[in-house]
Structures are given as structure tokens and as C-alpha cells.
Amino acid sequence: MGVRDLAEAAQVSPTTITRLERGEDLYPRTIEAIRAALESAGVEFVPENGGGTLMAYSSRDIFFDLHENTTP
């Protein structure tokens, strides 16, 4: 799934996906929309080793830290 595909599935702009990849802050509702789109594409969420942060992984071993990039 490319940036444009994920952006379309999550109903956000491709720039928002790029911001996530760079580790920039995103609103919690944006993170949830991206997470839902990734889950629909078959990505599973697992606890990070030694902590409570959730990481997403795909068959291509691409990791996204979806809780470190939130803006309150």
C-alpha cells in the first residue's frame, strides 16, 4: 500500500501520511483513521517490546509508531 492508497483509505491527505512517516505530531482522530485503514488492509497491531506503545507491521516489515505521533 503506497502513501496515496493509504491516504485515500484513511480519508486524509498524502501529506498527512508523510508527516506520520517523519514522526511529526498528528491529532488522535487522524491516527485512528490511519490505523483503521491499515487494519482494513490486513496490518496487525502488537505491543512494542518492553512498553505499551503499539506498533503496526505489515508483510513488508514496515513499522509505524502510532502512539508517539499524537497531538493532544
C-alpha atoms as a PDB file:
ATOM      1  CA  MET A   1       0.000   0.000   0.000  1.00  0.00           C
ATOM      2  CA  GLY A   2       1.513   3.294  -1.060  1.00  0.00           C
ATOM      3  CA  VAL A   3       1.178   6.713   0.517  1.00  0.00           C
ATOM      4  CA  ARG A   4      -1.639   7.752  -1.819  1.00  0.00           C
ATOM      5  CA  ASP A   5      -3.514   4.490  -1.288  1.00  0.00           C
ATOM      6  CA  LEU A   6      -3.266   4.762   2.491  1.00  0.00           C
ATOM      7  CA  ALA A   7      -4.260   8.435   2.413  1.00  0.00           C
ATOM      8  CA  GLU A   8      -7.331   7.633   0.324  1.00  0.00           C
ATOM      9  CA  ALA A   9      -8.324   4.711   2.552  1.00  0.00           C
ATOM     10  CA  ALA A  10      -7.930   6.836   5.702  1.00  0.00           C
ATOM     11  CA  GLN A  11      -9.565   9.875   4.079  1.00  0.00           C
ATOM     12  CA  VAL A  12      -6.560  12.089   4.838  1.00  0.00           C
ATOM     13  CA  SER A  13      -4.102  13.859   2.559  1.00  0.00           C
ATOM     14  CA  PRO A  14      -0.916  12.183   1.317  1.00  0.00           C
ATOM     15  CA  THR A  15       0.943  14.939   3.179  1.00  0.00           C
ATOM     16  CA  THR A  16      -0.563  13.649   6.435  1.00  0.00           C
ATOM     17  CA  ILE A  17       0.823  10.170   5.763  1.00  0.00           C
ATOM     18  CA  THR A  18       4.222  11.697   5.025  1.00  0.00           C
ATOM     19  CA  ARG A  19       4.047  13.594   8.317  1.00  0.00           C
ATOM     20  CA  LEU A  20       3.346  10.293  10.114  1.00  0.00           C
ATOM     21  CA  GLU A  21       6.343   8.693   8.435  1.00  0.00           C
ATOM     22  CA  ARG A  22       8.541  11.592   9.571  1.00  0.00           C
ATOM     23  CA  GLY A  23       7.332  11.231  13.166  1.00  0.00           C
ATOM     24  CA  GLU A  24       5.510  14.557  13.254  1.00  0.00           C
ATOM     25  CA  ASP A  25       2.567  15.124  15.610  1.00  0.00           C
ATOM     26  CA  LEU A  26      -0.916  14.204  14.386  1.00  0.00           C
ATOM     27  CA  TYR A  27      -4.317  14.512  16.015  1.00  0.00           C
ATOM     28  CA  PRO A  28      -5.601  11.343  17.734  1.00  0.00           C
ATOM     29  CA  ARG A  29      -8.597  11.144  15.369  1.00  0.00           C
ATOM     30  CA  THR A  30      -6.193  11.205  12.412  1.00  0.00           C
ATOM     31  CA  ILE A  31      -4.122   8.405  13.934  1.00  0.00           C
ATOM     32  CA  GLU A  32      -7.288   6.356  14.447  1.00  0.00           C
ATOM     33  CA  ALA A  33      -8.364   6.876  10.818  1.00  0.00           C
ATOM     34  CA  ILE A  34      -4.953   5.736   9.593  1.00  0.00           C
ATOM     35  CA  ARG A  35      -4.977   2.783  11.970  1.00  0.00           C
ATOM     36  CA  ALA A  36      -8.437   1.705  10.762  1.00  0.00           C
ATOM     37  CA  ALA A  37      -7.279   1.926   7.146  1.00  0.00           C
ATOM     38  CA  LEU A  38      -4.186  -0.151   7.905  1.00  0.00           C
ATOM     39  CA  GLU A  39      -6.245  -2.762   9.767  1.00  0.00           C
ATOM     40  CA  SER A  40      -8.617  -2.978   6.794  1.00  0.00           C
ATOM     41  CA  ALA A  41      -5.569  -3.691   4.642  1.00  0.00           C
ATOM     42  CA  GLY A  42      -4.527  -6.569   6.915  1.00  0.00           C
ATOM     43  CA  VAL A  43      -1.979  -4.861   9.172  1.00  0.00           C
ATOM     44  CA  GLU A  44      -1.895  -6.211  12.724  1.00  0.00           C
ATOM     45  CA  PHE A  45      -1.104  -4.191  15.831  1.00  0.00           C
ATOM     46  CA  VAL A  46       1.100  -5.685  18.533  1.00  0.00           C
ATOM     47  CA  PRO A  47       2.530  -4.340  21.796  1.00  0.00           C
ATOM     48  CA  GLU A  48       6.043  -2.939  21.492  1.00  0.00           C
ATOM     49  CA  ASN A  49       8.693  -4.902  23.396  1.00  0.00           C
ATOM     50  CA  GLY A  50       9.053  -3.541  26.896  1.00  0.00           C
ATOM     51  CA  GLY A  51       6.403  -0.843  26.645  1.00  0.00           C
ATOM     52  CA  GLY A  52       2.796  -0.012  25.990  1.00  0.00           C
ATOM     53  CA  THR A  53       3.182   1.693  22.623  1.00  0.00           C
ATOM     54  CA  LEU A  54       1.503  -0.147  19.778  1.00  0.00           C
ATOM     55  CA  MET A  55       3.362  -0.786  16.577  1.00  0.00           C
ATOM     56  CA  ALA A  56       1.874  -1.706  13.240  1.00  0.00           C
ATOM     57  CA  TYR A  57       3.553  -4.134  10.923  1.00  0.00           C
ATOM     58  CA  SER A  58       2.838  -5.496   7.505  1.00  0.00           C
ATOM     59  CA  SER A  59       4.209  -8.331   5.462  1.00  0.00           C
ATOM     60  CA  ARG A  60       6.886  -5.881   4.248  1.00  0.00           C
ATOM     61  CA  ASP A  61       8.066  -5.249   7.844  1.00  0.00           C
ATOM     62  CA  ILE A  62       7.282  -1.542   7.698  1.00  0.00           C
ATOM     63  CA  PHE A  63       6.820  -0.106  11.180  1.00  0.00           C
ATOM     64  CA  PHE A  64       4.725   2.862  12.249  1.00  0.00           C
ATOM     65  CA  ASP A  65       4.695   4.121  15.814  1.00  0.00           C
ATOM     66  CA  LEU A  66       1.095   5.266  16.026  1.00  0.00           C
ATOM     67  CA  HIS A  67       1.056   6.495  19.599  1.00  0.00           C
ATOM     68  CA  GLU A  68       4.229   8.536  19.704  1.00  0.00           C
ATOM     69  CA  ASN A  69       2.946  10.883  16.975  1.00  0.00           C
ATOM     70  CA  THR A  70      -0.194  12.262  18.585  1.00  0.00           C
ATOM     71  CA  THR A  71      -1.099  15.823  19.404  1.00  0.00           C
ATOM     72  CA  PRO A  72      -3.348  16.155  22.470  1.00  0.00           C
END
